[in-house]
Amino acid sequence: MNSSKMDAKTGITNIDADSAYSHSFGNLAHKSVYVNAWWDVDSRKDIKTAYDLGYKQVQAKALTTSAGGAGTAGFAMIPIYLDPRVVDTTRKFTPLVELIPRVTNQGMFADFNKITAKGGGITAAEDAALTEANDTYDRVSIPIKFVYAVGRVTGPTRAAQPSYILEGFQSAGSGLGAGNPFTNVNSPNAMQLEVLMKVRSLREKEESLIVNGDLSTTATEFDGIVQLMGSEANVVDKSTTAMDWDDIETAVRNAFDDGGRVTLGVASSSVLQDIRKLMIDTFRYGPADMAVGSNLPFGVSARLVLSTMVGDIPVIPSMYLSNTSGSKAIYFLDMDIVEMRVLQDVTYEDLAKTNDSQKFMLKVYECLLIRNTAFCSGIKEIL
């Protein structure tokens, strides 16, 4: 509001709607934070006099907050002051969308060649007959898939809806470490709010597919990490038994023996918790020791680092991996051979107008590649 007063107009009489507010909070601006232990803010002593005065005057008057009819929530005479902040109670962290390299792709398939066998070198006697040894190549072709988020806003909504703040809208990092990894985003109108929410939905769908995509079950999905690594021999199958430190060492060694050098671990939150307990019990690590050398690209900070035969491996939790006993897992990835192939990155496009509304879509065409799963490993079916 442009005016410093909140005047409620009834008929031809102007009524000062701020008077009751000032009895309790004095000169504090509307929506001021006056008590927040996290920010070390406590202004109650400064407004005590105003609060006491307001309390006594309210007690002395016959008019109460519920007088004058039922109204909205029982307070007919008191207007509603709606908090402009909107919190997303369904939010999820999406670190893999940022951590996995994105590579441009031409055409409807991501095609690449791999060597499956080398002829190898030989030893021979002087002036021996020499026969060539052929190498074996194989072509791999992965289809690009199409991911969408569609929204629509009616004309009356655009005209009537005020601006809002999407609290904790933009996620960054793994969700661990100091500070708030979520940042706020302003939404000046209804259309902007709808677009921002669809952007977030599209990002979360990408993260979900990267982890749990399954082409064999849903033809419109690309295979994710769980599916691609499902039949890989390097994955240690616990068959619903508890994980121990030897399982971690074995999984890392399996990838090493097949030529891989794993550089990132992705686990369910309960598996990450299990590993922390193992490190404390096995190596007498303290919680602070687990963050040494844990910086990752794009601001992603892991709070647990495994010291292994191939070096330090940071581990991040995924909100899309199962915490169900017997279905828990951790996957160790060689990030040199993991990539997203992108035919078209996130794009906004208006759709055909429907009645008095504006309809739009966001889209991305992509697929996940692990160009050799034997360079990676994991532990699955953890109790």
Protein backbone atom coordinates (compact mmCIF):
# COMPACT_ATOMS: atom_id res chain seq x y z
CA MET A 1 0.00 0.00 0.00
CA ASN A 2 1.22 3.52 -0.79
CA SER A 3 -0.26 5.00 2.36
CA SER A 4 1.35 4.43 5.74
CA LYS A 5 -2.15 3.94 7.21
CA MET A 6 -4.37 0.94 6.61
CA ASP A 7 -7.81 2.65 6.30
CA ALA A 8 -10.85 0.41 6.16
CA LYS A 9 -13.67 2.31 4.40
CA THR A 10 -17.24 1.52 5.39
CA GLY A 11 -19.89 3.64 3.76
CA ILE A 12 -18.85 7.28 3.98
CA THR A 13 -16.87 6.91 7.21
CA ASN A 14 -13.12 6.32 7.34
CA ILE A 15 -12.11 3.97 10.14
CA ASP A 16 -8.50 3.65 11.31
CA ALA A 17 -7.85 -0.08 11.04
CA ASP A 18 -4.32 0.33 12.39
CA SER A 19 -5.34 1.40 15.87
CA ALA A 20 -5.85 -2.14 17.19
CA TYR A 21 -2.59 -3.20 15.57
CA SER A 22 -0.63 -0.35 17.17
CA HIS A 23 -2.00 -1.22 20.63
CA SER A 24 -0.14 -4.51 20.40
CA PHE A 25 2.92 -3.69 18.31
CA GLY A 26 3.42 0.06 18.48
CA ASN A 27 5.30 1.44 15.46
CA LEU A 28 6.52 -1.92 14.11
CA ALA A 29 5.75 -2.31 10.42
CA HIS A 30 3.21 -4.89 9.28
CA LYS A 31 4.74 -8.42 9.02
CA SER A 32 7.81 -7.44 11.05
CA VAL A 33 9.63 -10.35 12.69
CA TYR A 34 9.81 -9.45 16.37
CA VAL A 35 10.72 -12.88 17.85
CA ASN A 36 12.97 -15.39 16.05
CA ALA A 37 15.50 -17.32 18.07
CA TRP A 38 17.27 -18.51 14.90
CA TRP A 39 18.06 -14.90 13.97
CA ASP A 40 18.70 -13.78 17.57
CA VAL A 41 15.77 -11.35 17.38
CA ASP A 42 13.55 -10.56 20.37
CA SER A 43 11.86 -7.15 20.43
CA ARG A 44 9.14 -7.99 22.94
CA LYS A 45 10.69 -5.80 25.62
CA ASP A 46 10.50 -2.81 23.27
CA ILE A 47 6.81 -3.24 22.56
CA LYS A 48 5.73 -4.37 26.05
CA THR A 49 4.17 -1.00 26.93
CA ALA A 50 2.14 -0.91 23.74
CA TYR A 51 1.14 -4.55 24.23
CA ASP A 52 0.00 -3.98 27.81
CA LEU A 53 -2.00 -0.92 26.78
CA GLY A 54 -3.67 -2.76 23.92
CA TYR A 55 -4.46 -5.76 26.11
CA LYS A 56 -6.06 -3.66 28.82
CA GLN A 57 -8.12 -1.64 26.36
CA VAL A 58 -9.40 -4.77 24.65
CA GLN A 59 -10.40 -6.20 28.03
CA ALA A 60 -12.20 -2.98 28.95
CA LYS A 61 -14.36 -2.86 25.83
CA ALA A 62 -17.50 -4.86 25.18
CA LEU A 63 -16.64 -5.43 21.52
CA THR A 64 -14.69 -8.69 21.14
CA THR A 65 -12.90 -10.22 18.18
CA SER A 66 -15.78 -12.61 17.51
CA ALA A 67 -18.55 -10.00 17.82
CA GLY A 68 -20.68 -9.04 14.84
CA GLY A 69 -21.34 -12.46 13.35
CA ALA A 70 -19.49 -15.61 12.41
CA GLY A 71 -17.63 -14.23 9.39
CA THR A 72 -14.45 -15.81 8.13
CA ALA A 73 -12.96 -18.06 10.80
CA GLY A 74 -15.22 -16.35 13.38
CA PHE A 75 -13.79 -12.85 13.06
CA ALA A 76 -16.27 -10.88 10.97
CA MET A 77 -15.02 -7.42 11.89
CA ILE A 78 -11.31 -8.14 11.42
CA PRO A 79 -9.90 -8.14 7.88
CA ILE A 80 -7.52 -10.87 6.70
CA TYR A 81 -3.88 -9.93 6.22
CA LEU A 82 -2.54 -12.74 4.03
CA ASP A 83 1.14 -13.55 4.28
CA PRO A 84 2.66 -13.07 0.78
CA ARG A 85 5.05 -15.99 1.30
CA VAL A 86 4.03 -19.34 -0.18
CA VAL A 87 5.89 -22.43 1.03
CA ASP A 88 6.13 -25.55 -1.14
CA THR A 89 5.51 -28.47 1.21
CA THR A 90 6.37 -30.96 -1.57
CA ARG A 91 9.82 -29.58 -2.41
CA LYS A 92 12.69 -31.95 -3.21
CA PHE A 93 16.41 -31.47 -3.72
CA THR A 94 17.63 -32.02 -7.28
CA PRO A 95 21.46 -32.14 -7.16
CA LEU A 96 21.96 -34.63 -10.00
CA VAL A 97 20.32 -32.32 -12.54
CA GLU A 98 23.23 -29.94 -11.95
CA LEU A 99 26.03 -32.44 -11.23
CA ILE A 100 25.63 -34.62 -14.32
CA PRO A 101 27.26 -33.02 -17.39
CA ARG A 102 24.81 -31.96 -20.12
CA VAL A 103 25.97 -32.70 -23.66
CA THR A 104 24.31 -31.48 -26.86
CA ASN A 105 22.90 -34.16 -29.14
CA GLN A 106 21.86 -34.20 -32.79
CA GLY A 107 19.05 -36.47 -33.89
CA MET A 108 16.49 -38.59 -32.05
CA PHE A 109 19.01 -41.07 -30.65
CA ALA A 110 22.18 -40.73 -28.60
CA ASP A 111 24.61 -42.98 -30.47
CA PHE A 112 28.13 -43.93 -29.47
CA ASN A 113 30.63 -46.71 -30.09
CA LYS A 114 32.47 -48.74 -27.50
CA ILE A 115 35.30 -51.25 -27.70
CA THR A 116 34.26 -54.59 -26.22
CA ALA A 117 37.47 -56.53 -26.95
CA LYS A 118 41.02 -55.65 -28.05
CA GLY A 119 43.16 -57.90 -30.20
CA GLY A 120 46.06 -57.20 -27.88
CA GLY A 121 49.79 -57.20 -28.28
CA ILE A 122 51.92 -60.32 -28.74
CA THR A 123 55.50 -61.50 -28.40
CA ALA A 124 57.19 -63.35 -31.25
CA ALA A 125 60.50 -64.76 -32.39
CA GLU A 126 62.80 -62.88 -34.73
CA ASP A 127 61.38 -62.61 -38.21
CA ALA A 128 58.26 -64.56 -37.22
CA ALA A 129 55.11 -64.41 -39.32
CA LEU A 130 52.88 -61.63 -37.97
CA THR A 131 49.13 -61.87 -38.01
CA GLU A 132 46.89 -58.94 -37.25
CA ALA A 133 44.65 -59.05 -34.17
CA ASN A 134 41.28 -57.37 -34.67
CA ASP A 135 39.51 -55.23 -32.12
CA THR A 136 35.77 -55.56 -31.50
CA TYR A 137 33.50 -52.52 -31.59
CA ASP A 138 29.85 -52.19 -30.72
CA ARG A 139 27.30 -49.46 -31.42
CA VAL A 140 24.97 -48.28 -28.66
CA SER A 141 21.84 -46.28 -29.46
CA ILE A 142 19.70 -44.69 -26.73
CA PRO A 143 16.43 -42.92 -27.66
CA ILE A 144 15.82 -39.31 -26.66
CA LYS A 145 12.75 -38.87 -24.46
CA PHE A 146 10.46 -35.87 -24.03
CA VAL A 147 9.59 -34.34 -20.66
CA TYR A 148 6.83 -31.74 -20.27
CA ALA A 149 5.14 -29.51 -17.70
CA VAL A 150 1.89 -27.83 -18.77
CA GLY A 151 0.14 -24.92 -17.07
CA ARG A 152 -2.89 -22.67 -17.63
CA VAL A 153 -4.06 -19.44 -15.99
CA THR A 154 -7.54 -17.95 -16.44
CA GLY A 155 -8.13 -14.27 -17.17
CA PRO A 156 -9.90 -13.49 -13.87
CA THR A 157 -7.05 -15.11 -11.93
CA ARG A 158 -4.50 -12.95 -13.72
CA ALA A 159 -6.53 -9.85 -12.94
CA ALA A 160 -7.25 -10.64 -9.28
CA GLN A 161 -4.25 -12.49 -7.89
CA PRO A 162 -1.65 -10.32 -6.11
CA SER A 163 2.09 -10.89 -6.05
CA TYR A 164 3.59 -13.64 -3.90
CA ILE A 165 6.99 -14.85 -2.74
CA LEU A 166 7.79 -18.50 -3.37
CA GLU A 167 9.63 -19.33 -0.18
CA GLY A 168 12.43 -21.86 -0.59
CA PHE A 169 11.67 -22.25 -4.29
CA GLN A 170 15.11 -22.57 -5.86
CA SER A 171 17.20 -25.46 -4.56
CA ALA A 172 20.97 -25.57 -4.79
CA GLY A 173 23.40 -28.27 -3.79
CA SER A 174 22.81 -31.56 -2.05
CA GLY A 175 20.73 -30.10 0.76
CA LEU A 176 23.45 -30.63 3.34
CA GLY A 177 25.79 -28.28 5.14
CA ALA A 178 25.44 -24.88 6.75
CA GLY A 179 22.97 -22.24 5.61
CA ASN A 180 19.72 -22.55 3.70
CA PRO A 181 20.17 -24.31 0.34
CA PHE A 182 16.77 -23.03 -0.79
CA THR A 183 16.36 -19.44 -1.97
CA ASN A 184 13.23 -17.32 -2.37
CA VAL A 185 11.82 -16.16 -5.71
CA ASN A 186 9.40 -13.27 -6.29
CA SER A 187 6.24 -13.92 -8.29
CA PRO A 188 4.67 -10.57 -9.33
CA ASN A 189 1.55 -12.05 -10.94
CA ALA A 190 -0.46 -15.24 -11.42
CA MET A 191 1.15 -16.15 -14.74
CA GLN A 192 4.64 -15.83 -13.32
CA LEU A 193 3.67 -17.97 -10.32
CA GLU A 194 2.33 -20.71 -12.58
CA VAL A 195 5.44 -20.65 -14.81
CA LEU A 196 7.78 -20.83 -11.83
CA MET A 197 5.91 -23.78 -10.35
CA LYS A 198 6.02 -25.66 -13.66
CA VAL A 199 9.75 -25.01 -13.94
CA ARG A 200 10.17 -26.56 -10.51
CA SER A 201 7.93 -29.51 -11.45
CA LEU A 202 9.94 -30.13 -14.62
CA ARG A 203 13.22 -30.07 -12.70
CA GLU A 204 11.93 -32.54 -10.12
CA LYS A 205 10.67 -34.83 -12.88
CA GLU A 206 14.14 -34.76 -14.48
CA GLU A 207 15.74 -35.73 -11.17
CA SER A 208 13.20 -38.51 -10.68
CA LEU A 209 13.93 -39.94 -14.14
CA ILE A 210 17.70 -39.70 -13.63
CA VAL A 211 17.34 -41.94 -10.59
CA ASN A 212 14.29 -44.12 -11.25
CA GLY A 213 13.45 -43.87 -14.97
CA ASP A 214 12.42 -47.23 -16.45
CA LEU A 215 11.95 -47.57 -20.21
CA SER A 216 10.79 -51.19 -19.92
CA THR A 217 7.87 -50.18 -17.68
CA THR A 218 7.00 -46.78 -19.16
CA ALA A 219 7.83 -46.33 -22.84
CA THR A 220 8.01 -42.52 -22.55
CA GLU A 221 10.80 -42.63 -19.91
CA PHE A 222 14.53 -43.07 -20.29
CA ASP A 223 16.37 -45.53 -18.06
CA GLY A 224 17.74 -44.05 -14.84
CA ILE A 225 20.63 -45.05 -12.59
CA VAL A 226 18.70 -47.77 -10.74
CA GLN A 227 17.60 -49.44 -13.96
CA LEU A 228 20.93 -49.10 -15.79
CA MET A 229 22.87 -50.51 -12.84
CA GLY A 230 20.25 -53.15 -11.99
CA SER A 231 21.96 -56.05 -13.77
CA GLU A 232 25.54 -54.82 -13.45
CA ALA A 233 27.81 -57.50 -11.93
CA ASN A 234 29.84 -54.87 -10.06
CA VAL A 235 26.87 -54.05 -7.82
CA VAL A 236 27.07 -55.84 -4.47
CA ASP A 237 23.71 -57.49 -3.72
CA LYS A 238 23.09 -57.61 0.03
CA SER A 239 19.87 -59.65 -0.35
CA THR A 240 18.19 -57.75 2.53
CA THR A 241 21.15 -58.00 4.92
CA ALA A 242 22.98 -55.19 6.69
CA MET A 243 25.78 -53.32 4.93
CA ASP A 244 29.30 -53.29 6.40
CA TRP A 245 32.48 -51.43 5.47
CA ASP A 246 33.81 -54.36 3.44
CA ASP A 247 30.84 -53.97 1.08
CA ILE A 248 31.88 -50.39 0.33
CA GLU A 249 35.49 -51.42 -0.30
CA THR A 250 34.35 -54.32 -2.51
CA ALA A 251 32.04 -52.14 -4.60
CA VAL A 252 34.77 -49.55 -5.23
CA ARG A 253 37.28 -52.30 -6.05
CA ASN A 254 34.83 -53.93 -8.49
CA ALA A 255 34.67 -50.75 -10.54
CA PHE A 256 38.46 -50.31 -10.31
CA ASP A 257 39.11 -53.85 -11.54
CA ASP A 258 36.96 -53.17 -14.61
CA GLY A 259 38.76 -49.92 -15.42
CA GLY A 260 36.55 -47.42 -13.60
CA ARG A 261 37.50 -44.73 -11.10
CA VAL A 262 34.37 -43.82 -9.17
CA THR A 263 34.17 -40.17 -8.15
CA LEU A 264 30.68 -39.75 -6.66
CA GLY A 265 28.36 -41.76 -4.42
CA VAL A 266 24.58 -41.35 -4.56
CA ALA A 267 22.64 -42.96 -1.72
CA SER A 268 19.28 -42.88 -0.02
CA SER A 269 19.28 -40.79 3.14
CA SER A 270 19.03 -43.88 5.34
CA VAL A 271 22.06 -45.47 3.66
CA LEU A 272 24.04 -42.28 4.18
CA GLN A 273 23.07 -42.49 7.83
CA ASP A 274 24.21 -46.13 7.93
CA ILE A 275 27.58 -45.17 6.43
CA ARG A 276 28.09 -42.42 9.00
CA LYS A 277 27.57 -44.97 11.75
CA LEU A 278 30.01 -47.37 10.08
CA MET A 279 32.69 -44.69 9.80
CA ILE A 280 32.31 -43.70 13.44
CA ASP A 281 32.38 -47.31 14.65
CA THR A 282 35.11 -48.54 12.29
CA PHE A 283 37.50 -45.60 12.11
CA ARG A 284 36.46 -43.57 15.15
CA TYR A 285 35.66 -40.65 12.88
CA GLY A 286 33.93 -37.66 14.38
CA PRO A 287 31.07 -36.02 12.42
CA ALA A 288 33.30 -33.04 11.56
CA ASP A 289 35.89 -35.33 9.95
CA MET A 290 33.38 -36.50 7.34
CA ALA A 291 33.33 -33.18 5.47
CA VAL A 292 37.05 -32.95 4.66
CA GLY A 293 37.63 -32.25 0.96
CA SER A 294 33.93 -32.40 0.17
CA ASN A 295 33.53 -29.57 -2.34
CA LEU A 296 31.70 -30.49 -5.54
CA PRO A 297 30.88 -28.47 -8.69
CA PHE A 298 27.91 -26.09 -8.94
CA GLY A 299 27.84 -25.37 -5.23
CA VAL A 300 26.97 -28.93 -4.25
CA SER A 301 28.57 -29.69 -0.90
CA ALA A 302 28.62 -33.25 0.38
CA ARG A 303 28.93 -33.71 4.13
CA LEU A 304 30.30 -37.25 3.92
CA VAL A 305 33.49 -38.30 2.16
CA LEU A 306 34.72 -41.88 1.86
CA SER A 307 38.47 -42.49 1.82
CA THR A 308 38.94 -45.44 -0.56
CA MET A 309 41.57 -47.12 -2.71
CA VAL A 310 40.78 -44.71 -5.56
CA GLY A 311 40.81 -41.60 -3.37
CA ASP A 312 38.14 -39.52 -1.65
CA ILE A 313 34.57 -40.16 -2.80
CA PRO A 314 31.92 -37.64 -1.70
CA VAL A 315 28.49 -39.12 -1.04
CA ILE A 316 25.26 -37.16 -1.48
CA PRO A 317 21.75 -38.27 -0.48
CA SER A 318 18.95 -38.57 -3.02
CA MET A 319 15.35 -37.96 -2.05
CA TYR A 320 14.34 -40.27 -4.90
CA LEU A 321 16.07 -43.43 -3.65
CA SER A 322 14.08 -45.74 -1.38
CA ASN A 323 14.52 -45.80 2.38
CA THR A 324 12.53 -49.03 2.66
CA SER A 325 14.45 -51.78 4.43
CA GLY A 326 15.60 -54.34 1.88
CA SER A 327 15.30 -51.85 -0.99
CA LYS A 328 17.93 -49.31 0.10
CA ALA A 329 20.92 -48.70 -2.16
CA ILE A 330 24.02 -46.64 -2.88
CA TYR A 331 25.54 -46.21 -6.34
CA PHE A 332 29.16 -45.26 -7.06
CA LEU A 333 29.52 -43.38 -10.33
CA ASP A 334 32.51 -42.65 -12.54
CA MET A 335 31.38 -39.18 -13.61
CA ASP A 336 33.66 -39.24 -16.66
CA ILE A 337 31.24 -41.62 -18.39
CA VAL A 338 27.91 -40.31 -17.05
CA GLU A 339 26.12 -37.58 -19.02
CA MET A 340 22.77 -36.19 -20.10
CA ARG A 341 22.35 -36.07 -23.88
CA VAL A 342 20.15 -33.08 -24.69
CA LEU A 343 18.39 -32.55 -28.01
CA GLN A 344 16.62 -29.42 -26.68
CA ASP A 345 17.05 -27.93 -23.23
CA VAL A 346 14.24 -26.40 -21.17
CA THR A 347 12.06 -24.25 -23.44
CA TYR A 348 8.89 -22.20 -22.81
CA GLU A 349 6.14 -22.25 -25.44
CA ASP A 350 2.61 -20.81 -25.53
CA LEU A 351 -0.13 -23.28 -26.46
CA ALA A 352 -3.41 -22.65 -28.28
CA LYS A 353 -5.63 -20.24 -26.39
CA THR A 354 -8.42 -21.95 -24.44
CA ASN A 355 -11.43 -19.75 -23.55
CA ASP A 356 -10.48 -16.84 -21.28
CA SER A 357 -7.10 -18.26 -20.26
CA GLN A 358 -3.47 -18.58 -21.28
CA LYS A 359 -2.04 -22.07 -21.64
CA PHE A 360 1.65 -22.90 -21.96
CA MET A 361 4.16 -25.69 -21.70
CA LEU A 362 7.76 -26.21 -20.67
CA LYS A 363 9.67 -29.01 -22.37
CA VAL A 364 13.05 -30.69 -22.50
CA TYR A 365 14.24 -33.48 -24.82
CA GLU A 366 16.96 -35.62 -23.26
CA CYS A 367 18.16 -38.99 -21.99
CA LEU A 368 20.71 -40.32 -19.48
CA LEU A 369 23.83 -42.14 -20.60
CA ILE A 370 26.18 -44.28 -18.52
CA ARG A 371 28.50 -45.18 -21.38
CA ASN A 372 29.95 -48.15 -19.52
CA THR A 373 28.17 -49.36 -16.39
CA ALA A 374 31.15 -51.61 -15.54
CA PHE A 375 33.11 -48.45 -14.65
CA CYS A 376 30.54 -47.87 -11.90
CA SER A 377 29.32 -49.99 -9.02
CA GLY A 378 27.01 -49.96 -6.04
CA ILE A 379 25.39 -51.80 -3.17
CA LYS A 380 21.70 -52.72 -3.35
CA GLU A 381 18.97 -54.44 -1.33
CA ILE A 382 20.45 -53.18 1.92
CA LEU A 383 18.56 -54.07 5.08
